[in-house]
Amino acid sequence: MGLIASKKANALAGFIEDCVEKNDEIDQLLDYDFASFYDVIPLVQQ
């Protein structure tokens, strides 16, 4: 690979890592939101 290609590949790898980390954070938020969401459903159904 040329220098530019390897720089682009490194940048892409870093970007993908950032996305994976963000997805982990989003998953945690969704887990929390769904947990509280399911707590609310019985209240709504009453």
C-alpha atoms as a PDB file:
ATOM      1  CA  MET A   1       0.000   0.000   0.000  1.00  0.00           C
ATOM      2  CA  GLY A   2       1.103   3.526  -0.678  1.00  0.00           C
ATOM      3  CA  LEU A   3       1.515   6.025   2.141  1.00  0.00           C
ATOM      4  CA  ILE A   4      -1.751   7.823   1.347  1.00  0.00           C
ATOM      5  CA  ALA A   5      -3.669   4.549   1.167  1.00  0.00           C
ATOM      6  CA  SER A   6      -2.307   3.401   4.531  1.00  0.00           C
ATOM      7  CA  LYS A   7      -3.132   6.795   6.091  1.00  0.00           C
ATOM      8  CA  LYS A   8      -6.693   6.462   4.791  1.00  0.00           C
ATOM      9  CA  ALA A   9      -6.894   2.898   6.094  1.00  0.00           C
ATOM     10  CA  ASN A  10      -5.669   4.036   9.524  1.00  0.00           C
ATOM     11  CA  ALA A  11      -8.153   6.897   9.569  1.00  0.00           C
ATOM     12  CA  LEU A  12     -10.944   4.504   8.612  1.00  0.00           C
ATOM     13  CA  ALA A  13      -9.918   2.033  11.325  1.00  0.00           C
ATOM     14  CA  GLY A  14      -9.930   4.858  13.890  1.00  0.00           C
ATOM     15  CA  PHE A  15     -13.333   6.022  12.671  1.00  0.00           C
ATOM     16  CA  ILE A  16     -14.739   2.486  12.952  1.00  0.00           C
ATOM     17  CA  GLU A  17     -13.340   2.174  16.496  1.00  0.00           C
ATOM     18  CA  ASP A  18     -15.014   5.464  17.437  1.00  0.00           C
ATOM     19  CA  CYS A  19     -18.313   4.218  15.986  1.00  0.00           C
ATOM     20  CA  VAL A  20     -18.054   0.964  17.937  1.00  0.00           C
ATOM     21  CA  GLU A  21     -17.405   2.881  21.172  1.00  0.00           C
ATOM     22  CA  LYS A  22     -20.363   5.176  20.450  1.00  0.00           C
ATOM     23  CA  ASN A  23     -22.544   2.149  19.707  1.00  0.00           C
ATOM     24  CA  ASP A  24     -21.625   0.678  23.099  1.00  0.00           C
ATOM     25  CA  GLU A  25     -22.714   3.932  24.742  1.00  0.00           C
ATOM     26  CA  ILE A  26     -25.915   3.969  22.691  1.00  0.00           C
ATOM     27  CA  ASP A  27     -26.618   0.329  23.621  1.00  0.00           C
ATOM     28  CA  GLN A  28     -26.277   1.232  27.300  1.00  0.00           C
ATOM     29  CA  LEU A  29     -28.660   4.168  26.850  1.00  0.00           C
ATOM     30  CA  LEU A  30     -31.147   1.979  24.990  1.00  0.00           C
ATOM     31  CA  ASP A  31     -30.929  -0.720  27.666  1.00  0.00           C
ATOM     32  CA  TYR A  32     -31.670   1.925  30.281  1.00  0.00           C
ATOM     33  CA  ASP A  33     -34.484   3.494  28.255  1.00  0.00           C
ATOM     34  CA  PHE A  34     -36.120   0.144  27.523  1.00  0.00           C
ATOM     35  CA  ALA A  35     -35.869  -0.870  31.170  1.00  0.00           C
ATOM     36  CA  SER A  36     -37.712   2.259  32.274  1.00  0.00           C
ATOM     37  CA  PHE A  37     -40.059   1.918  29.275  1.00  0.00           C
ATOM     38  CA  TYR A  38     -41.082  -1.578  30.381  1.00  0.00           C
ATOM     39  CA  ASP A  39     -41.597  -0.286  33.933  1.00  0.00           C
ATOM     40  CA  VAL A  40     -44.074   2.235  32.525  1.00  0.00           C
ATOM     41  CA  ILE A  41     -46.112  -0.182  30.365  1.00  0.00           C
ATOM     42  CA  PRO A  42     -48.016  -1.793  33.285  1.00  0.00           C
ATOM     43  CA  LEU A  43     -48.914   1.672  34.548  1.00  0.00           C
ATOM     44  CA  VAL A  44     -50.262   2.629  31.135  1.00  0.00           C
ATOM     45  CA  GLN A  45     -52.305  -0.574  30.837  1.00  0.00           C
ATOM     46  CA  GLN A  46     -54.105  -0.114  34.161  1.00  0.00           C
END
